[in-house]
Each structure stands twice: as structure tokens, then as C-alpha cells.
C-alpha atoms as a PDB file:
ATOM      1  CA  MET A   1     -26.492 -20.745 107.215  1.00  0.00           C
ATOM      2  CA  ALA A   2     -29.853 -22.314 106.548  1.00  0.00           C
ATOM      3  CA  ASN A   3     -32.224 -22.046 109.374  1.00  0.00           C
ATOM      4  CA  ALA A   4     -32.528 -25.925 109.570  1.00  0.00           C
ATOM      5  CA  ASP A   5     -28.894 -26.239 109.680  1.00  0.00           C
ATOM      6  CA  ARG A   6     -28.780 -23.554 112.343  1.00  0.00           C
ATOM      7  CA  ARG A   7     -31.240 -25.416 114.602  1.00  0.00           C
ATOM      8  CA  ALA A   8     -29.298 -28.632 114.115  1.00  0.00           C
ATOM      9  CA  LEU A   9     -26.099 -26.966 114.984  1.00  0.00           C
ATOM     10  CA  VAL A  10     -27.696 -25.423 118.087  1.00  0.00           C
ATOM     11  CA  GLU A  11     -29.210 -28.637 119.262  1.00  0.00           C
ATOM     12  CA  MET A  12     -25.809 -30.469 118.800  1.00  0.00           C
ATOM     13  CA  TRP A  13     -24.103 -27.724 120.920  1.00  0.00           C
ATOM     14  CA  ARG A  14     -26.957 -28.057 123.508  1.00  0.00           C
ATOM     15  CA  ILE A  15     -26.494 -31.777 123.866  1.00  0.00           C
ATOM     16  CA  ARG A  16     -22.552 -31.022 124.276  1.00  0.00           C
ATOM     17  CA  LEU A  17     -23.337 -28.382 126.867  1.00  0.00           C
ATOM     18  CA  GLU A  18     -25.415 -30.924 128.781  1.00  0.00           C
ATOM     19  CA  ASP A  19     -22.904 -33.635 128.662  1.00  0.00           C
ATOM     20  CA  ALA A  20     -20.147 -30.869 129.950  1.00  0.00           C
ATOM     21  CA  ARG A  21     -22.481 -29.951 132.698  1.00  0.00           C
ATOM     22  CA  THR A  22     -22.682 -33.713 133.814  1.00  0.00           C
ATOM     23  CA  ARG A  23     -19.086 -34.312 133.596  1.00  0.00           C
ATOM     24  CA  HIS A  24     -18.410 -31.448 135.858  1.00  0.00           C
ATOM     25  CA  LYS A  25     -21.216 -32.206 138.178  1.00  0.00           C
ATOM     26  CA  THR A  26     -19.669 -35.815 138.435  1.00  0.00           C
ATOM     27  CA  ALA A  27     -15.963 -34.423 138.778  1.00  0.00           C
ATOM     28  CA  HIS A  28     -17.161 -32.141 141.625  1.00  0.00           C
ATOM     29  CA  ALA A  29     -18.882 -34.868 143.470  1.00  0.00           C
ATOM     30  CA  ALA A  30     -15.614 -36.912 143.037  1.00  0.00           C
ATOM     31  CA  VAL A  31     -13.722 -33.934 144.789  1.00  0.00           C
ATOM     32  CA  ASP A  32     -16.128 -33.952 147.695  1.00  0.00           C
ATOM     33  CA  ASP A  33     -15.773 -37.878 147.933  1.00  0.00           C
ATOM     34  CA  ALA A  34     -12.087 -37.466 147.993  1.00  0.00           C
ATOM     35  CA  ARG A  35     -12.061 -34.733 150.686  1.00  0.00           C
ATOM     36  CA  GLY A  36     -14.173 -37.168 152.842  1.00  0.00           C
ATOM     37  CA  LEU A  37     -11.904 -39.808 152.419  1.00  0.00           C
ATOM     38  CA  GLN A  38      -8.609 -37.874 152.467  1.00  0.00           C
ATOM     39  CA  SER A  39      -8.645 -38.173 156.541  1.00  0.00           C
ATOM     40  CA  GLN A  40      -9.298 -41.817 156.459  1.00  0.00           C
ATOM     41  CA  ILE A  41      -6.623 -42.647 154.050  1.00  0.00           C
ATOM     42  CA  PRO A  42      -2.962 -42.243 154.890  1.00  0.00           C
ATOM     43  CA  SER A  43      -1.349 -39.120 153.638  1.00  0.00           C
ATOM     44  CA  PRO A  44       0.375 -39.792 150.377  1.00  0.00           C
ATOM     45  CA  ASP A  45      -2.462 -41.896 148.978  1.00  0.00           C
ATOM     46  CA  GLY A  46      -5.274 -39.577 150.278  1.00  0.00           C
ATOM     47  CA  SER A  47      -3.481 -36.429 149.082  1.00  0.00           C
ATOM     48  CA  PHE A  48      -2.893 -38.005 145.701  1.00  0.00           C
ATOM     49  CA  ALA A  49      -6.601 -38.865 145.290  1.00  0.00           C
ATOM     50  CA  LEU A  50      -7.660 -35.472 146.083  1.00  0.00           C
ATOM     51  CA  GLN A  51      -5.235 -33.830 143.838  1.00  0.00           C
ATOM     52  CA  HIS A  52      -6.155 -36.226 141.166  1.00  0.00           C
ATOM     53  CA  ALA A  53      -9.842 -35.455 141.765  1.00  0.00           C
ATOM     54  CA  LEU A  54      -9.428 -31.712 141.686  1.00  0.00           C
ATOM     55  CA  LEU A  55      -7.276 -31.904 138.428  1.00  0.00           C
ATOM     56  CA  ALA A  56     -10.362 -33.804 136.873  1.00  0.00           C
ATOM     57  CA  GLU A  57     -12.795 -31.320 138.140  1.00  0.00           C
ATOM     58  CA  HIS A  58     -10.803 -28.428 136.698  1.00  0.00           C
ATOM     59  CA  ARG A  59     -10.557 -29.981 133.293  1.00  0.00           C
ATOM     60  CA  ALA A  60     -14.333 -30.501 133.296  1.00  0.00           C
ATOM     61  CA  LEU A  61     -14.825 -27.032 134.319  1.00  0.00           C
ATOM     62  CA  ALA A  62     -12.505 -25.735 131.483  1.00  0.00           C
ATOM     63  CA  GLU A  63     -14.508 -27.831 129.066  1.00  0.00           C
ATOM     64  CA  LEU A  64     -17.674 -26.651 130.302  1.00  0.00           C
ATOM     65  CA  ARG A  65     -16.546 -23.095 130.117  1.00  0.00           C
ATOM     66  CA  ARG A  66     -15.530 -23.586 126.411  1.00  0.00           C
ATOM     67  CA  VAL A  67     -18.850 -25.333 125.255  1.00  0.00           C
ATOM     68  CA  LEU A  68     -20.811 -22.598 127.141  1.00  0.00           C
ATOM     69  CA  THR A  69     -18.883 -20.055 125.216  1.00  0.00           C
ATOM     70  CA  VAL A  70     -19.444 -21.690 121.890  1.00  0.00           C
ATOM     71  CA  PHE A  71     -22.980 -22.072 122.598  1.00  0.00           C
ATOM     72  CA  ASN A  72     -23.616 -18.651 123.887  1.00  0.00           C
ATOM     73  CA  ASP A  73     -21.743 -17.150 120.756  1.00  0.00           C
ATOM     74  CA  LEU A  74     -23.905 -19.630 118.435  1.00  0.00           C
ATOM     75  CA  VAL A  75     -27.132 -18.757 120.127  1.00  0.00           C
ATOM     76  CA  CYS A  76     -27.001 -15.246 121.031  1.00  0.00           C
ATOM     77  CA  HIS A  77     -24.370 -14.005 118.246  1.00  0.00           C
ATOM     78  CA  GLY A  78     -25.289 -16.280 115.561  1.00  0.00           C
ATOM     79  CA  LYS A  79     -21.484 -17.023 115.318  1.00  0.00           C
ATOM     80  CA  SER A  80     -20.800 -20.520 113.871  1.00  0.00           C
ATOM     81  CA  PRO A  81     -18.122 -22.579 115.850  1.00  0.00           C
ATOM     82  CA  GLU A  82     -14.876 -23.371 114.557  1.00  0.00           C
ATOM     83  CA  ALA A  83     -14.345 -27.175 113.547  1.00  0.00           C
ATOM     84  CA  ASP A  84     -13.486 -29.472 116.402  1.00  0.00           C
END
């Protein structure tokens, strides 16, 4: 892989990593909000909102881990990612 191509690939995955971090941070804040509102909302709706927020956070964390692994493999080991 040419050096310019590698730099472009690293930059693309760095941007994806930042996006994944932002999505996880947002999802985590939504969990905090849902926890705060759970006591104010009747049980089925409050519990549903919290479960939904937790699921979204879990998915965002899984994507963050995936992107971080790809980025780490690329930067530290020179391993090109598989096609998305």
C-alpha cells in the first residue's frame, strides 16, 4: 500500500473513530437522562425508555469497540481493514 493511500485510510478510520466516540457519548448521556426520568414516569413507560436507552448505548459501545479495533490494527500493525 502506498504511503499516501495508507495515510488517507488512517484518516478515514480516525474520523470514523471520532464519530463512534461521539455516538457512544450521546447514548451514554441518554441513559443518564432515562435513569433520571424513570422515577418520574409510570413503570412500564419509564422502564421501557431506560431499556431502550441501554440497548442504544450497548450498540454504540459495540460499534466503538469494532472501529477502535480496526483503527488499532491499521495504525499499530499495518493491517488493512476488510471492506465494509
